[in-house]
Amino acid sequence: MKATVQISFKDKDSGLQYKPGQIFEASSERIKEINKALRGALEVIIEPSPEQLDLVVEVEKVIKKRGRSKKE
């Protein structure tokens, strides 16, 4: 999973220093562990799956079609 750093911290596993705005990538368990210890240091980035993106495109097409038919 990916998360955006909200609070500066040093990762005990890698020894790297993270600052706000950076992207932190780790397992969901590791992100939960850090958030529990540092009270919200990371904000999870939710990336849509390709299927979800396709669904959004289809819904937008339907909305455009309905808008055109109402104008007529």
PDB file of N, CA and C in Angstrom:
ATOM      1  N   MET A   1       0.832  -1.182   0.000  1.00  0.00           N
ATOM      2  CA  MET A   1       0.000   0.000   0.000  1.00  0.00           C
ATOM      3  C   MET A   1       0.878   1.247   0.000  1.00  0.00           C
ATOM      4  N   LYS A   2       0.295   2.320  -0.443  1.00  0.00           N
ATOM      5  CA  LYS A   2       0.986   3.601  -0.422  1.00  0.00           C
ATOM      6  C   LYS A   2       0.263   4.537   0.524  1.00  0.00           C
ATOM      7  N   ALA A   3       1.055   5.410   1.163  1.00  0.00           N
ATOM      8  CA  ALA A   3       0.484   6.394   2.075  1.00  0.00           C
ATOM      9  C   ALA A   3       1.283   7.677   1.976  1.00  0.00           C
ATOM     10  N   THR A   4       0.622   8.799   2.219  1.00  0.00           N
ATOM     11  CA  THR A   4       1.278  10.103   2.247  1.00  0.00           C
ATOM     12  C   THR A   4       1.675  10.396   3.689  1.00  0.00           C
ATOM     13  N   VAL A   5       2.913  10.827   3.871  1.00  0.00           N
ATOM     14  CA  VAL A   5       3.408  11.148   5.203  1.00  0.00           C
ATOM     15  C   VAL A   5       2.799  12.466   5.667  1.00  0.00           C
ATOM     16  N   GLN A   6       2.216  12.463   6.866  1.00  0.00           N
ATOM     17  CA  GLN A   6       1.599  13.653   7.449  1.00  0.00           C
ATOM     18  C   GLN A   6       2.470  14.278   8.536  1.00  0.00           C
ATOM     19  N   ILE A   7       3.232  13.436   9.243  1.00  0.00           N
ATOM     20  CA  ILE A   7       4.077  13.878  10.352  1.00  0.00           C
ATOM     21  C   ILE A   7       5.469  13.279  10.138  1.00  0.00           C
ATOM     22  N   SER A   8       6.520  14.067  10.323  1.00  0.00           N
ATOM     23  CA  SER A   8       7.887  13.562  10.173  1.00  0.00           C
ATOM     24  C   SER A   8       8.145  12.411  11.145  1.00  0.00           C
ATOM     25  N   PHE A   9       8.836  11.382  10.640  1.00  0.00           N
ATOM     26  CA  PHE A   9       9.222  10.261  11.496  1.00  0.00           C
ATOM     27  C   PHE A   9      10.377   9.501  10.861  1.00  0.00           C
ATOM     28  N   LYS A  10      11.065   8.700  11.669  1.00  0.00           N
ATOM     29  CA  LYS A  10      12.147   7.861  11.183  1.00  0.00           C
ATOM     30  C   LYS A  10      11.671   6.420  11.236  1.00  0.00           C
ATOM     31  N   ASP A  11      11.742   5.730  10.098  1.00  0.00           N
ATOM     32  CA  ASP A  11      11.302   4.345  10.013  1.00  0.00           C
ATOM     33  C   ASP A  11      12.325   3.452  10.701  1.00  0.00           C
ATOM     34  N   LYS A  12      11.888   2.699  11.698  1.00  0.00           N
ATOM     35  CA  LYS A  12      12.810   1.859  12.463  1.00  0.00           C
ATOM     36  C   LYS A  12      13.353   0.696  11.637  1.00  0.00           C
ATOM     37  N   ASP A  13      12.579   0.213  10.649  1.00  0.00           N
ATOM     38  CA  ASP A  13      13.032  -0.913   9.832  1.00  0.00           C
ATOM     39  C   ASP A  13      14.110  -0.506   8.829  1.00  0.00           C
ATOM     40  N   SER A  14      13.869   0.591   8.115  1.00  0.00           N
ATOM     41  CA  SER A  14      14.811   1.013   7.069  1.00  0.00           C
ATOM     42  C   SER A  14      15.804   2.062   7.551  1.00  0.00           C
ATOM     43  N   GLY A  15      15.461   2.765   8.624  1.00  0.00           N
ATOM     44  CA  GLY A  15      16.329   3.827   9.122  1.00  0.00           C
ATOM     45  C   GLY A  15      16.184   5.134   8.354  1.00  0.00           C
ATOM     46  N   LEU A  16      15.224   5.187   7.423  1.00  0.00           N
ATOM     47  CA  LEU A  16      15.016   6.387   6.616  1.00  0.00           C
ATOM     48  C   LEU A  16      14.163   7.412   7.359  1.00  0.00           C
ATOM     49  N   GLN A  17      14.473   8.679   7.133  1.00  0.00           N
ATOM     50  CA  GLN A  17      13.709   9.778   7.721  1.00  0.00           C
ATOM     51  C   GLN A  17      12.657  10.214   6.703  1.00  0.00           C
ATOM     52  N   TYR A  18      11.400  10.246   7.108  1.00  0.00           N
ATOM     53  CA  TYR A  18      10.313  10.664   6.230  1.00  0.00           C
ATOM     54  C   TYR A  18       9.780  12.014   6.680  1.00  0.00           C
ATOM     55  N   LYS A  19       9.461  12.856   5.690  1.00  0.00           N
ATOM     56  CA  LYS A  19       8.945  14.197   5.968  1.00  0.00           C
ATOM     57  C   LYS A  19       7.556  14.345   5.343  1.00  0.00           C
ATOM     58  N   PRO A  20       6.744  15.280   5.853  1.00  0.00           N
ATOM     59  CA  PRO A  20       5.399  15.483   5.298  1.00  0.00           C
ATOM     60  C   PRO A  20       5.409  15.674   3.783  1.00  0.00           C
ATOM     61  N   GLY A  21       4.466  15.001   3.121  1.00  0.00           N
ATOM     62  CA  GLY A  21       4.334  15.099   1.672  1.00  0.00           C
ATOM     63  C   GLY A  21       4.987  13.950   0.930  1.00  0.00           C
ATOM     64  N   GLN A  22       5.917  13.253   1.566  1.00  0.00           N
ATOM     65  CA  GLN A  22       6.572  12.125   0.913  1.00  0.00           C
ATOM     66  C   GLN A  22       5.625  10.936   0.838  1.00  0.00           C
ATOM     67  N   ILE A  23       5.924  10.001  -0.068  1.00  0.00           N
ATOM     68  CA  ILE A  23       5.140   8.778  -0.216  1.00  0.00           C
ATOM     69  C   ILE A  23       5.864   7.656   0.526  1.00  0.00           C
ATOM     70  N   PHE A  24       5.116   6.951   1.360  1.00  0.00           N
ATOM     71  CA  PHE A  24       5.637   5.823   2.115  1.00  0.00           C
ATOM     72  C   PHE A  24       4.944   4.588   1.587  1.00  0.00           C
ATOM     73  N   GLU A  25       5.719   3.566   1.215  1.00  0.00           N
ATOM     74  CA  GLU A  25       5.121   2.351   0.674  1.00  0.00           C
ATOM     75  C   GLU A  25       5.485   1.169   1.567  1.00  0.00           C
ATOM     76  N   ALA A  26       4.473   0.439   2.023  1.00  0.00           N
ATOM     77  CA  ALA A  26       4.669  -0.713   2.898  1.00  0.00           C
ATOM     78  C   ALA A  26       3.393  -1.547   2.917  1.00  0.00           C
ATOM     79  N   SER A  27       3.427  -2.633   3.662  1.00  0.00           N
ATOM     80  CA  SER A  27       2.230  -3.478   3.791  1.00  0.00           C
ATOM     81  C   SER A  27       1.185  -2.737   4.613  1.00  0.00           C
ATOM     82  N   SER A  28      -0.057  -3.161   4.476  1.00  0.00           N
ATOM     83  CA  SER A  28      -1.130  -2.511   5.240  1.00  0.00           C
ATOM     84  C   SER A  28      -0.905  -2.686   6.739  1.00  0.00           C
ATOM     85  N   GLU A  29      -0.354  -3.836   7.149  1.00  0.00           N
ATOM     86  CA  GLU A  29      -0.078  -4.064   8.572  1.00  0.00           C
ATOM     87  C   GLU A  29       0.965  -3.081   9.086  1.00  0.00           C
ATOM     88  N   ARG A  30       1.995  -2.834   8.288  1.00  0.00           N
ATOM     89  CA  ARG A  30       3.070  -1.908   8.694  1.00  0.00           C
ATOM     90  C   ARG A  30       2.532  -0.482   8.801  1.00  0.00           C
ATOM     91  N   ILE A  31       1.694  -0.079   7.862  1.00  0.00           N
ATOM     92  CA  ILE A  31       1.110   1.271   7.901  1.00  0.00           C
ATOM     93  C   ILE A  31       0.225   1.409   9.134  1.00  0.00           C
ATOM     94  N   LYS A  32      -0.568   0.383   9.440  1.00  0.00           N
ATOM     95  CA  LYS A  32      -1.408   0.415  10.645  1.00  0.00           C
ATOM     96  C   LYS A  32      -0.544   0.526  11.897  1.00  0.00           C
ATOM     97  N   GLU A  33       0.560  -0.214  11.919  1.00  0.00           N
ATOM     98  CA  GLU A  33       1.470  -0.193  13.069  1.00  0.00           C
ATOM     99  C   GLU A  33       2.053   1.206  13.282  1.00  0.00           C
ATOM    100  N   ILE A  34       2.489   1.843  12.210  1.00  0.00           N
ATOM    101  CA  ILE A  34       3.059   3.196  12.305  1.00  0.00           C
ATOM    102  C   ILE A  34       1.989   4.189  12.747  1.00  0.00           C
ATOM    103  N   ASN A  35       0.807   4.111  12.164  1.00  0.00           N
ATOM    104  CA  ASN A  35      -0.275   5.030  12.536  1.00  0.00           C
ATOM    105  C   ASN A  35      -0.688   4.867  13.995  1.00  0.00           C
ATOM    106  N   LYS A  36      -0.661   3.643  14.480  1.00  0.00           N
ATOM    107  CA  LYS A  36      -1.018   3.404  15.879  1.00  0.00           C
ATOM    108  C   LYS A  36       0.035   4.021  16.799  1.00  0.00           C
ATOM    109  N   ALA A  37       1.303   3.833  16.456  1.00  0.00           N
ATOM    110  CA  ALA A  37       2.394   4.349  17.286  1.00  0.00           C
ATOM    111  C   ALA A  37       2.524   5.870  17.198  1.00  0.00           C
ATOM    112  N   LEU A  38       2.317   6.421  16.009  1.00  0.00           N
ATOM    113  CA  LEU A  38       2.539   7.856  15.795  1.00  0.00           C
ATOM    114  C   LEU A  38       1.252   8.652  15.640  1.00  0.00           C
ATOM    115  N   ARG A  39       0.134   8.051  15.904  1.00  0.00           N
ATOM    116  CA  ARG A  39      -1.173   8.720  15.866  1.00  0.00           C
ATOM    117  C   ARG A  39      -1.425   9.511  14.581  1.00  0.00           C
ATOM    118  N   GLY A  40      -1.584   8.786  13.479  1.00  0.00           N
ATOM    119  CA  GLY A  40      -1.971   9.425  12.221  1.00  0.00           C
ATOM    120  C   GLY A  40      -0.835  10.016  11.413  1.00  0.00           C
ATOM    121  N   ALA A  41       0.346   9.408  11.486  1.00  0.00           N
ATOM    122  CA  ALA A  41       1.496   9.926  10.735  1.00  0.00           C
ATOM    123  C   ALA A  41       1.341   9.696   9.237  1.00  0.00           C
ATOM    124  N   LEU A  42       0.525   8.713   8.863  1.00  0.00           N
ATOM    125  CA  LEU A  42       0.365   8.370   7.452  1.00  0.00           C
ATOM    126  C   LEU A  42      -1.100   8.441   7.043  1.00  0.00           C
ATOM    127  N   GLU A  43      -1.327   8.917   5.813  1.00  0.00           N
ATOM    128  CA  GLU A  43      -2.678   8.936   5.233  1.00  0.00           C
ATOM    129  C   GLU A  43      -2.649   8.028   4.017  1.00  0.00           C
ATOM    130  N   VAL A  44      -3.431   6.970   4.049  1.00  0.00           N
ATOM    131  CA  VAL A  44      -3.423   5.961   3.000  1.00  0.00           C
ATOM    132  C   VAL A  44      -3.925   6.564   1.683  1.00  0.00           C
ATOM    133  N   ILE A  45      -3.228   6.218   0.606  1.00  0.00           N
ATOM    134  CA  ILE A  45      -3.615   6.646  -0.744  1.00  0.00           C
ATOM    135  C   ILE A  45      -4.402   5.499  -1.362  1.00  0.00           C
ATOM    136  N   ILE A  46      -5.635   5.767  -1.710  1.00  0.00           N
ATOM    137  CA  ILE A  46      -6.470   4.732  -2.317  1.00  0.00           C
ATOM    138  C   ILE A  46      -6.412   4.910  -3.826  1.00  0.00           C
ATOM    139  N   GLU A  47      -5.895   3.880  -4.484  1.00  0.00           N
ATOM    140  CA  GLU A  47      -5.779   3.925  -5.942  1.00  0.00           C
ATOM    141  C   GLU A  47      -6.872   3.047  -6.540  1.00  0.00           C
ATOM    142  N   PRO A  48      -7.659   3.602  -7.441  1.00  0.00           N
ATOM    143  CA  PRO A  48      -8.732   2.805  -8.042  1.00  0.00           C
ATOM    144  C   PRO A  48      -8.174   1.701  -8.950  1.00  0.00           C
ATOM    145  N   SER A  49      -8.878   0.585  -8.974  1.00  0.00           N
ATOM    146  CA  SER A  49      -8.482  -0.513  -9.854  1.00  0.00           C
ATOM    147  C   SER A  49      -8.888  -0.167 -11.293  1.00  0.00           C
ATOM    148  N   PRO A  50      -8.302  -0.845 -12.277  1.00  0.00           N
ATOM    149  CA  PRO A  50      -8.694  -0.591 -13.676  1.00  0.00           C
ATOM    150  C   PRO A  50     -10.185  -0.799 -13.916  1.00  0.00           C
ATOM    151  N   GLU A  51     -10.782  -1.772 -13.213  1.00  0.00           N
ATOM    152  CA  GLU A  51     -12.221  -2.021 -13.367  1.00  0.00           C
ATOM    153  C   GLU A  51     -13.033  -0.837 -12.860  1.00  0.00           C
ATOM    154  N   GLN A  52     -12.601  -0.230 -11.758  1.00  0.00           N
ATOM    155  CA  GLN A  52     -13.301   0.925 -11.216  1.00  0.00           C
ATOM    156  C   GLN A  52     -13.189   2.111 -12.171  1.00  0.00           C
ATOM    157  N   LEU A  53     -12.031   2.291 -12.785  1.00  0.00           N
ATOM    158  CA  LEU A  53     -11.846   3.391 -13.740  1.00  0.00           C
ATOM    159  C   LEU A  53     -12.750   3.207 -14.955  1.00  0.00           C
ATOM    160  N   ASP A  54     -12.859   1.960 -15.438  1.00  0.00           N
ATOM    161  CA  ASP A  54     -13.747   1.674 -16.571  1.00  0.00           C
ATOM    162  C   ASP A  54     -15.198   1.990 -16.214  1.00  0.00           C
ATOM    163  N   LEU A  55     -15.602   1.663 -15.005  1.00  0.00           N
ATOM    164  CA  LEU A  55     -16.965   1.927 -14.556  1.00  0.00           C
ATOM    165  C   LEU A  55     -17.239   3.434 -14.523  1.00  0.00           C
ATOM    166  N   VAL A  56     -16.271   4.212 -14.076  1.00  0.00           N
ATOM    167  CA  VAL A  56     -16.431   5.672 -14.036  1.00  0.00           C
ATOM    168  C   VAL A  56     -16.639   6.211 -15.446  1.00  0.00           C
ATOM    169  N   VAL A  57     -15.876   5.727 -16.403  1.00  0.00           N
ATOM    170  CA  VAL A  57     -16.010   6.173 -17.791  1.00  0.00           C
ATOM    171  C   VAL A  57     -17.403   5.844 -18.318  1.00  0.00           C
ATOM    172  N   GLU A  58     -17.898   4.643 -18.039  1.00  0.00           N
ATOM    173  CA  GLU A  58     -19.227   4.241 -18.492  1.00  0.00           C
ATOM    174  C   GLU A  58     -20.323   5.109 -17.863  1.00  0.00           C
ATOM    175  N   VAL A  59     -20.207   5.384 -16.580  1.00  0.00           N
ATOM    176  CA  VAL A  59     -21.193   6.221 -15.893  1.00  0.00           C
ATOM    177  C   VAL A  59     -21.191   7.626 -16.485  1.00  0.00           C
ATOM    178  N   GLU A  60     -20.007   8.177 -16.765  1.00  0.00           N
ATOM    179  CA  GLU A  60     -19.925   9.517 -17.363  1.00  0.00           C
ATOM    180  C   GLU A  60     -20.598   9.550 -18.734  1.00  0.00           C
ATOM    181  N   LYS A  61     -20.458   8.488 -19.519  1.00  0.00           N
ATOM    182  CA  LYS A  61     -21.101   8.422 -20.830  1.00  0.00           C
ATOM    183  C   LYS A  61     -22.620   8.441 -20.683  1.00  0.00           C
ATOM    184  N   VAL A  62     -23.142   7.680 -19.726  1.00  0.00           N
ATOM    185  CA  VAL A  62     -24.586   7.617 -19.493  1.00  0.00           C
ATOM    186  C   VAL A  62     -25.105   8.984 -19.058  1.00  0.00           C
ATOM    187  N   ILE A  63     -24.367   9.653 -18.179  1.00  0.00           N
ATOM    188  CA  ILE A  63     -24.783  10.981 -17.707  1.00  0.00           C
ATOM    189  C   ILE A  63     -24.835  11.966 -18.867  1.00  0.00           C
ATOM    190  N   LYS A  64     -23.847  11.930 -19.746  1.00  0.00           N
ATOM    191  CA  LYS A  64     -23.846  12.828 -20.912  1.00  0.00           C
ATOM    192  C   LYS A  64     -25.026  12.543 -21.828  1.00  0.00           C
ATOM    193  N   LYS A  65     -25.325  11.254 -22.048  1.00  0.00           N
ATOM    194  CA  LYS A  65     -26.455  10.881 -22.901  1.00  0.00           C
ATOM    195  C   LYS A  65     -27.766  11.400 -22.329  1.00  0.00           C
ATOM    196  N   ARG A  66     -27.941  11.234 -21.031  1.00  0.00           N
ATOM    197  CA  ARG A  66     -29.180  11.686 -20.388  1.00  0.00           C
ATOM    198  C   ARG A  66     -29.313  13.204 -20.462  1.00  0.00           C
ATOM    199  N   GLY A  67     -28.208  13.914 -20.332  1.00  0.00           N
ATOM    200  CA  GLY A  67     -28.240  15.370 -20.408  1.00  0.00           C
ATOM    201  C   GLY A  67     -28.668  15.852 -21.783  1.00  0.00           C
ATOM    202  N   ARG A  68     -28.214  15.162 -22.827  1.00  0.00           N
ATOM    203  CA  ARG A  68     -28.582  15.526 -24.179  1.00  0.00           C
ATOM    204  C   ARG A  68     -30.051  15.254 -24.447  1.00  0.00           C
ATOM    205  N   SER A  69     -30.567  14.114 -23.977  1.00  0.00           N
ATOM    206  CA  SER A  69     -31.956  13.758 -24.255  1.00  0.00           C
ATOM    207  C   SER A  69     -32.929  14.687 -23.508  1.00  0.00           C
ATOM    208  N   LYS A  70     -32.559  15.198 -22.361  1.00  0.00           N
ATOM    209  CA  LYS A  70     -33.424  16.117 -21.615  1.00  0.00           C
ATOM    210  C   LYS A  70     -33.516  17.465 -22.306  1.00  0.00           C
ATOM    211  N   LYS A  71     -32.460  17.889 -22.993  1.00  0.00           N
ATOM    212  CA  LYS A  71     -32.448  19.180 -23.688  1.00  0.00           C
ATOM    213  C   LYS A  71     -33.378  19.180 -24.889  1.00  0.00           C
ATOM    214  N   GLU A  72     -33.572  18.024 -25.487  1.00  0.00           N
ATOM    215  CA  GLU A  72     -34.380  17.932 -26.715  1.00  0.00           C
ATOM    216  C   GLU A  72     -35.833  17.983 -26.452  1.00  0.00           C
TER     217      GLU A  72
END
